[in-house]
Amino acid sequence: MKVNDRYTSFYYLNDNDYGPIEIDPKKTALLIIDMQHVFITRPGLVNPTEAELENAARWEQFYRAIDEWVVPNNKRILDYFRAHGMEVCFGKIMARKKNGMDRSLDQKATGYNELLLLQGDPRAEIVPELAPIEDEIVFLKTTDSACTGTNLRLTLYNMGIDTVVVTGVLTDQCVSGTVRSLADESFKVWLIEDACRASCEAIQHSELEILNNIYCHVINTDELLEALDKAFA
């Protein structure tokens, strides 16, 4: 079943089975993935080299998207869930061993994905606009998927949750891994296209097309909140 014609992959071009966006607030949780400083805050450059300036320019479109619509839309959704007494939880990358040996292989890789975040590291903190409050669970993970590396699945089951609204970064990495795992665990997943982001628009579009209609339904913030308003009416 499709709920719209956006991000329709080859597999679903001839699928004409459409349905409405229906979400039961009592069985739904918001899961915000990795909205941590290290991923979404522009790094400060002191006496940058030419190569560092070129790399900063390459990433500027990502940070602009984060500032202009990803964080604001996450805040809109977070505020709505809190105001309506709905469940909110977070995924957060953080190792327990000081040498990082507990990290999964993808987080030990060289290059961009090589990352060691420990307790107390300010880079690991979720940005203030989206910081967890009392009674909101933060799942600490050393994997891309928030399911694989934590007791997220069991916790959601225990709370009577069967539907998860997913936001965060990066769409093609930790967000995608989590969405796939949730789908495999038979959760209904709604991925919010304007509240998540990959490194660039090409990867963003490609990953949303891959995930949509099989692992999740891709909708936007307005569509999500409109569906929830109808459910509460």
C-alpha atoms as a PDB file:
ATOM      1  CA  MET A   1       0.000   0.000   0.000  1.00  0.00           C
ATOM      2  CA  LYS A   2       1.188   3.494  -0.861  1.00  0.00           C
ATOM      3  CA  VAL A   3       0.117   6.722   0.838  1.00  0.00           C
ATOM      4  CA  ASN A   4       1.545   9.046  -1.839  1.00  0.00           C
ATOM      5  CA  ASP A   5       3.438   9.038  -5.137  1.00  0.00           C
ATOM      6  CA  ARG A   6       6.687  10.521  -3.837  1.00  0.00           C
ATOM      7  CA  TYR A   7       9.924   8.514  -3.720  1.00  0.00           C
ATOM      8  CA  THR A   8       8.382   5.618  -5.641  1.00  0.00           C
ATOM      9  CA  SER A   9      10.967   3.037  -6.631  1.00  0.00           C
ATOM     10  CA  PHE A  10      10.936   0.738  -9.651  1.00  0.00           C
ATOM     11  CA  TYR A  11       9.205  -1.968  -7.606  1.00  0.00           C
ATOM     12  CA  TYR A  12       6.159   0.143  -6.823  1.00  0.00           C
ATOM     13  CA  LEU A  13       5.576   2.130 -10.000  1.00  0.00           C
ATOM     14  CA  ASN A  14       2.625  -0.087 -10.962  1.00  0.00           C
ATOM     15  CA  ASP A  15       1.256  -0.460  -7.441  1.00  0.00           C
ATOM     16  CA  ASN A  16      -2.082   1.355  -7.403  1.00  0.00           C
ATOM     17  CA  ASP A  17      -3.104   0.244  -3.921  1.00  0.00           C
ATOM     18  CA  TYR A  18      -3.404   3.511  -1.982  1.00  0.00           C
ATOM     19  CA  GLY A  19      -4.443   4.133   1.581  1.00  0.00           C
ATOM     20  CA  PRO A  20      -4.670   7.017   4.062  1.00  0.00           C
ATOM     21  CA  ILE A  21      -2.070   8.094   6.597  1.00  0.00           C
ATOM     22  CA  GLU A  22      -3.512   6.610   9.783  1.00  0.00           C
ATOM     23  CA  ILE A  23      -1.563   6.685  13.038  1.00  0.00           C
ATOM     24  CA  ASP A  24      -2.787   5.593  16.477  1.00  0.00           C
ATOM     25  CA  PRO A  25      -1.216   8.018  18.982  1.00  0.00           C
ATOM     26  CA  LYS A  26      -1.558   5.537  21.865  1.00  0.00           C
ATOM     27  CA  LYS A  27       0.616   2.998  20.061  1.00  0.00           C
ATOM     28  CA  THR A  28       3.103   5.395  18.480  1.00  0.00           C
ATOM     29  CA  ALA A  29       6.529   6.609  19.583  1.00  0.00           C
ATOM     30  CA  LEU A  30       8.856   9.222  18.126  1.00  0.00           C
ATOM     31  CA  LEU A  31      12.462   8.076  17.651  1.00  0.00           C
ATOM     32  CA  ILE A  32      15.017  10.820  16.948  1.00  0.00           C
ATOM     33  CA  ILE A  33      18.278   9.416  15.613  1.00  0.00           C
ATOM     34  CA  ASP A  34      21.749  10.868  16.292  1.00  0.00           C
ATOM     35  CA  MET A  35      20.926  14.576  16.334  1.00  0.00           C
ATOM     36  CA  GLN A  36      24.258  15.128  18.067  1.00  0.00           C
ATOM     37  CA  HIS A  37      26.653  18.039  17.748  1.00  0.00           C
ATOM     38  CA  VAL A  38      29.318  15.958  16.027  1.00  0.00           C
ATOM     39  CA  PHE A  39      26.998  15.261  13.110  1.00  0.00           C
ATOM     40  CA  ILE A  40      24.913  18.400  12.670  1.00  0.00           C
ATOM     41  CA  THR A  41      26.892  21.345  14.069  1.00  0.00           C
ATOM     42  CA  ARG A  42      29.252  23.118  11.687  1.00  0.00           C
ATOM     43  CA  PRO A  43      32.820  22.491  12.808  1.00  0.00           C
ATOM     44  CA  GLY A  44      34.771  25.595  13.664  1.00  0.00           C
ATOM     45  CA  LEU A  45      37.853  26.078  11.513  1.00  0.00           C
ATOM     46  CA  VAL A  46      40.941  27.790  12.901  1.00  0.00           C
ATOM     47  CA  ASN A  47      43.532  28.773  10.313  1.00  0.00           C
ATOM     48  CA  PRO A  48      42.057  26.295   7.814  1.00  0.00           C
ATOM     49  CA  THR A  49      44.045  24.844   4.963  1.00  0.00           C
ATOM     50  CA  GLU A  50      42.857  25.130   1.380  1.00  0.00           C
ATOM     51  CA  ALA A  51      41.701  21.505   1.537  1.00  0.00           C
ATOM     52  CA  GLU A  52      39.722  22.153   4.732  1.00  0.00           C
ATOM     53  CA  LEU A  53      38.025  25.159   3.134  1.00  0.00           C
ATOM     54  CA  GLU A  54      37.106  23.103   0.093  1.00  0.00           C
ATOM     55  CA  ASN A  55      35.661  20.359   2.284  1.00  0.00           C
ATOM     56  CA  ALA A  56      33.683  22.899   4.329  1.00  0.00           C
ATOM     57  CA  ALA A  57      32.200  24.300   1.125  1.00  0.00           C
ATOM     58  CA  ARG A  58      31.272  20.783   0.017  1.00  0.00           C
ATOM     59  CA  TRP A  59      29.349  20.169   3.258  1.00  0.00           C
ATOM     60  CA  GLU A  60      27.693  23.595   3.454  1.00  0.00           C
ATOM     61  CA  GLN A  61      24.522  22.419   1.695  1.00  0.00           C
ATOM     62  CA  PHE A  62      24.123  19.728   4.379  1.00  0.00           C
ATOM     63  CA  TYR A  63      24.465  22.128   7.305  1.00  0.00           C
ATOM     64  CA  ARG A  64      22.166  24.623   5.632  1.00  0.00           C
ATOM     65  CA  ALA A  65      19.488  21.927   5.329  1.00  0.00           C
ATOM     66  CA  ILE A  66      20.003  20.973   8.959  1.00  0.00           C
ATOM     67  CA  ASP A  67      19.605  24.579  10.122  1.00  0.00           C
ATOM     68  CA  GLU A  68      16.764  25.595   7.818  1.00  0.00           C
ATOM     69  CA  TRP A  69      14.418  22.624   8.008  1.00  0.00           C
ATOM     70  CA  VAL A  70      15.720  19.450   9.670  1.00  0.00           C
ATOM     71  CA  VAL A  71      16.127  20.823  13.202  1.00  0.00           C
ATOM     72  CA  PRO A  72      13.024  23.074  12.997  1.00  0.00           C
ATOM     73  CA  ASN A  73      10.857  20.180  11.801  1.00  0.00           C
ATOM     74  CA  ASN A  74      12.241  17.864  14.450  1.00  0.00           C
ATOM     75  CA  LYS A  75      11.364  20.523  17.012  1.00  0.00           C
ATOM     76  CA  ARG A  76       7.807  20.842  15.657  1.00  0.00           C
ATOM     77  CA  ILE A  77       7.299  17.095  15.879  1.00  0.00           C
ATOM     78  CA  LEU A  78       8.949  16.801  19.290  1.00  0.00           C
ATOM     79  CA  ASP A  79       6.844  19.625  20.716  1.00  0.00           C
ATOM     80  CA  TYR A  80       3.672  18.023  19.330  1.00  0.00           C
ATOM     81  CA  PHE A  81       4.436  14.608  20.827  1.00  0.00           C
ATOM     82  CA  ARG A  82       5.235  16.120  24.211  1.00  0.00           C
ATOM     83  CA  ALA A  83       2.162  18.357  24.215  1.00  0.00           C
ATOM     84  CA  HIS A  84      -0.061  15.356  23.476  1.00  0.00           C
ATOM     85  CA  GLY A  85       1.533  12.983  25.975  1.00  0.00           C
ATOM     86  CA  MET A  86       2.981  10.697  23.297  1.00  0.00           C
ATOM     87  CA  GLU A  87       6.118   8.619  23.764  1.00  0.00           C
ATOM     88  CA  VAL A  88       9.477  10.115  22.772  1.00  0.00           C
ATOM     89  CA  CYS A  89      12.849   8.386  22.626  1.00  0.00           C
ATOM     90  CA  PHE A  90      16.282   9.001  21.155  1.00  0.00           C
ATOM     91  CA  GLY A  91      19.131   7.083  19.575  1.00  0.00           C
ATOM     92  CA  LYS A  92      22.618   8.296  20.411  1.00  0.00           C
ATOM     93  CA  ILE A  93      26.034   6.991  19.387  1.00  0.00           C
ATOM     94  CA  MET A  94      28.302   6.481  22.394  1.00  0.00           C
ATOM     95  CA  ALA A  95      30.935   3.878  23.228  1.00  0.00           C
ATOM     96  CA  ARG A  96      31.416   2.428  26.720  1.00  0.00           C
ATOM     97  CA  LYS A  97      35.039   1.326  26.392  1.00  0.00           C
ATOM     98  CA  LYS A  98      37.591   4.134  26.375  1.00  0.00           C
ATOM     99  CA  ASN A  99      39.470   2.538  23.493  1.00  0.00           C
ATOM    100  CA  GLY A 100      36.249   2.030  21.545  1.00  0.00           C
ATOM    101  CA  MET A 101      36.690  -1.704  21.159  1.00  0.00           C
ATOM    102  CA  ASP A 102      32.951  -2.189  21.830  1.00  0.00           C
ATOM    103  CA  ARG A 103      32.020  -0.350  18.634  1.00  0.00           C
ATOM    104  CA  SER A 104      30.636  -2.213  15.646  1.00  0.00           C
ATOM    105  CA  LEU A 105      32.820  -2.663  12.596  1.00  0.00           C
ATOM    106  CA  ASP A 106      31.215   0.178  10.639  1.00  0.00           C
ATOM    107  CA  GLN A 107      32.095   2.638  13.407  1.00  0.00           C
ATOM    108  CA  LYS A 108      35.691   1.446  13.408  1.00  0.00           C
ATOM    109  CA  ALA A 109      36.022   2.036   9.675  1.00  0.00           C
ATOM    110  CA  THR A 110      38.494   4.579   8.387  1.00  0.00           C
ATOM    111  CA  GLY A 111      37.388   7.859   6.893  1.00  0.00           C
ATOM    112  CA  TYR A 112      34.107   9.626   7.643  1.00  0.00           C
ATOM    113  CA  ASN A 113      32.556   6.785   9.652  1.00  0.00           C
ATOM    114  CA  GLU A 114      35.508   6.333  11.984  1.00  0.00           C
ATOM    115  CA  LEU A 115      34.138   7.726  15.212  1.00  0.00           C
ATOM    116  CA  LEU A 116      34.810   7.383  18.930  1.00  0.00           C
ATOM    117  CA  LEU A 117      32.371   9.204  21.209  1.00  0.00           C
ATOM    118  CA  LEU A 118      32.566   8.696  24.961  1.00  0.00           C
ATOM    119  CA  GLN A 119      30.531   9.787  27.958  1.00  0.00           C
ATOM    120  CA  GLY A 120      31.265  13.437  28.741  1.00  0.00           C
ATOM    121  CA  ASP A 121      32.358  14.352  25.225  1.00  0.00           C
ATOM    122  CA  PRO A 122      30.391  17.521  24.317  1.00  0.00           C
ATOM    123  CA  ARG A 123      30.413  16.448  20.651  1.00  0.00           C
ATOM    124  CA  ALA A 124      28.231  13.497  21.616  1.00  0.00           C
ATOM    125  CA  GLU A 125      25.461  15.566  23.161  1.00  0.00           C
ATOM    126  CA  ILE A 126      22.125  15.985  21.409  1.00  0.00           C
ATOM    127  CA  VAL A 127      21.687  19.597  20.311  1.00  0.00           C
ATOM    128  CA  PRO A 128      19.867  21.790  22.867  1.00  0.00           C
ATOM    129  CA  GLU A 129      16.781  22.389  20.705  1.00  0.00           C
ATOM    130  CA  LEU A 130      16.048  18.657  20.796  1.00  0.00           C
ATOM    131  CA  ALA A 131      17.552  17.651  24.136  1.00  0.00           C
ATOM    132  CA  PRO A 132      15.727  14.861  25.996  1.00  0.00           C
ATOM    133  CA  ILE A 133      13.734  15.726  29.083  1.00  0.00           C
ATOM    134  CA  GLU A 134      12.809  13.678  32.131  1.00  0.00           C
ATOM    135  CA  ASP A 135      11.195  10.298  31.377  1.00  0.00           C
ATOM    136  CA  GLU A 136      12.325  10.204  27.747  1.00  0.00           C
ATOM    137  CA  ILE A 137      14.564   7.219  27.038  1.00  0.00           C
ATOM    138  CA  VAL A 138      17.918   7.686  25.323  1.00  0.00           C
ATOM    139  CA  PHE A 139      19.228   4.484  23.729  1.00  0.00           C
ATOM    140  CA  LEU A 140      23.036   4.495  23.633  1.00  0.00           C
ATOM    141  CA  LYS A 141      24.372   2.551  20.679  1.00  0.00           C
ATOM    142  CA  THR A 142      27.648   1.506  19.118  1.00  0.00           C
ATOM    143  CA  THR A 143      25.915   0.411  15.913  1.00  0.00           C
ATOM    144  CA  ASP A 144      24.118   2.208  13.119  1.00  0.00           C
ATOM    145  CA  SER A 145      20.769   0.571  13.855  1.00  0.00           C
ATOM    146  CA  ALA A 146      19.182   1.677  17.124  1.00  0.00           C
ATOM    147  CA  CYS A 147      17.521  -1.745  17.258  1.00  0.00           C
ATOM    148  CA  THR A 148      20.552  -3.947  16.727  1.00  0.00           C
ATOM    149  CA  GLY A 149      22.688  -2.326  19.389  1.00  0.00           C
ATOM    150  CA  THR A 150      20.123  -1.698  22.144  1.00  0.00           C
ATOM    151  CA  ASN A 151      17.001  -3.044  23.860  1.00  0.00           C
ATOM    152  CA  LEU A 152      14.839  -0.625  21.841  1.00  0.00           C
ATOM    153  CA  ARG A 153      12.653  -3.381  20.393  1.00  0.00           C
ATOM    154  CA  LEU A 154      11.886  -4.928  23.782  1.00  0.00           C
ATOM    155  CA  THR A 155      11.269  -1.527  25.371  1.00  0.00           C
ATOM    156  CA  LEU A 156       8.793  -0.502  22.677  1.00  0.00           C
ATOM    157  CA  TYR A 157       6.979  -3.819  22.943  1.00  0.00           C
ATOM    158  CA  ASN A 158       6.787  -3.449  26.712  1.00  0.00           C
ATOM    159  CA  MET A 159       5.229   0.010  26.299  1.00  0.00           C
ATOM    160  CA  GLY A 160       2.615  -1.245  23.850  1.00  0.00           C
ATOM    161  CA  ILE A 161       4.158   0.566  20.881  1.00  0.00           C
ATOM    162  CA  ASP A 162       3.672  -0.877  17.404  1.00  0.00           C
ATOM    163  CA  THR A 163       4.323   2.242  15.317  1.00  0.00           C
ATOM    164  CA  VAL A 164       7.472   4.374  15.195  1.00  0.00           C
ATOM    165  CA  VAL A 165       7.957   7.829  13.682  1.00  0.00           C
ATOM    166  CA  VAL A 166      11.633   8.153  12.729  1.00  0.00           C
ATOM    167  CA  THR A 167      13.662  11.327  12.196  1.00  0.00           C
ATOM    168  CA  GLY A 168      17.329  12.295  12.344  1.00  0.00           C
ATOM    169  CA  VAL A 169      20.651  11.715  10.597  1.00  0.00           C
ATOM    170  CA  LEU A 170      22.084  10.339   8.473  1.00  0.00           C
ATOM    171  CA  THR A 171      19.237   9.134   6.285  1.00  0.00           C
ATOM    172  CA  ASP A 172      21.345   6.562   4.423  1.00  0.00           C
ATOM    173  CA  GLN A 173      23.235   5.321   7.469  1.00  0.00           C
ATOM    174  CA  CYS A 174      21.852   5.189  11.024  1.00  0.00           C
ATOM    175  CA  VAL A 175      18.341   6.264  10.035  1.00  0.00           C
ATOM    176  CA  SER A 176      18.146   3.672   7.267  1.00  0.00           C
ATOM    177  CA  GLY A 177      19.633   0.935   9.433  1.00  0.00           C
ATOM    178  CA  THR A 178      17.105   1.650  12.170  1.00  0.00           C
ATOM    179  CA  VAL A 179      14.133   1.816   9.795  1.00  0.00           C
ATOM    180  CA  ARG A 180      15.061  -1.529   8.245  1.00  0.00           C
ATOM    181  CA  SER A 181      15.512  -3.161  11.650  1.00  0.00           C
ATOM    182  CA  LEU A 182      12.191  -1.827  12.921  1.00  0.00           C
ATOM    183  CA  ALA A 183      10.435  -3.142   9.822  1.00  0.00           C
ATOM    184  CA  ASP A 184      12.058  -6.541  10.275  1.00  0.00           C
ATOM    185  CA  GLU A 185      10.745  -6.549  13.855  1.00  0.00           C
ATOM    186  CA  SER A 186       7.233  -5.866  12.441  1.00  0.00           C
ATOM    187  CA  PHE A 187       6.869  -2.270  13.596  1.00  0.00           C
ATOM    188  CA  LYS A 188       4.968   0.138  11.368  1.00  0.00           C
ATOM    189  CA  VAL A 189       7.398   2.911  10.472  1.00  0.00           C
ATOM    190  CA  TRP A 190       6.798   6.469   9.266  1.00  0.00           C
ATOM    191  CA  LEU A 191       9.967   8.188   8.063  1.00  0.00           C
ATOM    192  CA  ILE A 192       9.694  11.983   7.957  1.00  0.00           C
ATOM    193  CA  GLU A 193      11.387  13.213   4.798  1.00  0.00           C
ATOM    194  CA  ASP A 194      11.889  16.830   5.908  1.00  0.00           C
ATOM    195  CA  ALA A 195      13.093  15.868   9.389  1.00  0.00           C
ATOM    196  CA  CYS A 196      15.939  13.619   8.255  1.00  0.00           C
ATOM    197  CA  ARG A 197      18.949  14.256   6.054  1.00  0.00           C
ATOM    198  CA  ALA A 198      21.728  12.483   4.187  1.00  0.00           C
ATOM    199  CA  SER A 199      24.999  14.122   3.238  1.00  0.00           C
ATOM    200  CA  CYS A 200      23.604  15.455  -0.042  1.00  0.00           C
ATOM    201  CA  GLU A 201      20.338  15.667  -1.960  1.00  0.00           C
ATOM    202  CA  ALA A 202      21.205  12.853  -4.368  1.00  0.00           C
ATOM    203  CA  ILE A 203      21.791  10.357  -1.552  1.00  0.00           C
ATOM    204  CA  GLN A 204      18.780  11.665   0.379  1.00  0.00           C
ATOM    205  CA  HIS A 205      16.434  11.109  -2.553  1.00  0.00           C
ATOM    206  CA  SER A 206      17.908   7.731  -3.434  1.00  0.00           C
ATOM    207  CA  GLU A 207      17.667   6.350   0.090  1.00  0.00           C
ATOM    208  CA  LEU A 208      14.112   7.584   0.621  1.00  0.00           C
ATOM    209  CA  GLU A 209      13.139   5.917  -2.659  1.00  0.00           C
ATOM    210  CA  ILE A 210      14.751   2.667  -1.561  1.00  0.00           C
ATOM    211  CA  LEU A 211      13.083   2.640   1.870  1.00  0.00           C
ATOM    212  CA  ASN A 212       9.639   3.873   0.899  1.00  0.00           C
ATOM    213  CA  ASN A 213       6.673   1.507   0.605  1.00  0.00           C
ATOM    214  CA  ILE A 214       8.536  -1.553   1.865  1.00  0.00           C
ATOM    215  CA  TYR A 215      10.405  -0.677   5.059  1.00  0.00           C
ATOM    216  CA  CYS A 216       8.348   2.406   5.875  1.00  0.00           C
ATOM    217  CA  HIS A 217       6.084   5.090   4.492  1.00  0.00           C
ATOM    218  CA  VAL A 218       7.860   8.364   3.698  1.00  0.00           C
ATOM    219  CA  ILE A 219       5.777  11.424   4.572  1.00  0.00           C
ATOM    220  CA  ASN A 220       6.526  15.001   5.590  1.00  0.00           C
ATOM    221  CA  THR A 221       6.045  16.887   8.853  1.00  0.00           C
ATOM    222  CA  ASP A 222       2.792  18.557   7.828  1.00  0.00           C
ATOM    223  CA  GLU A 223       1.295  15.225   6.768  1.00  0.00           C
ATOM    224  CA  LEU A 224       2.322  13.607  10.043  1.00  0.00           C
ATOM    225  CA  LEU A 225       0.842  16.319  12.227  1.00  0.00           C
ATOM    226  CA  GLU A 226      -2.343  16.479  10.160  1.00  0.00           C
ATOM    227  CA  ALA A 227      -2.821  12.715  10.584  1.00  0.00           C
ATOM    228  CA  LEU A 228      -2.258  12.988  14.329  1.00  0.00           C
ATOM    229  CA  ASP A 229      -4.696  15.905  14.581  1.00  0.00           C
ATOM    230  CA  LYS A 230      -7.340  13.701  12.928  1.00  0.00           C
ATOM    231  CA  ALA A 231      -6.588  10.874  15.327  1.00  0.00           C
ATOM    232  CA  PHE A 232      -7.022  13.177  18.327  1.00  0.00           C
ATOM    233  CA  ALA A 233     -10.210  14.814  16.957  1.00  0.00           C
END
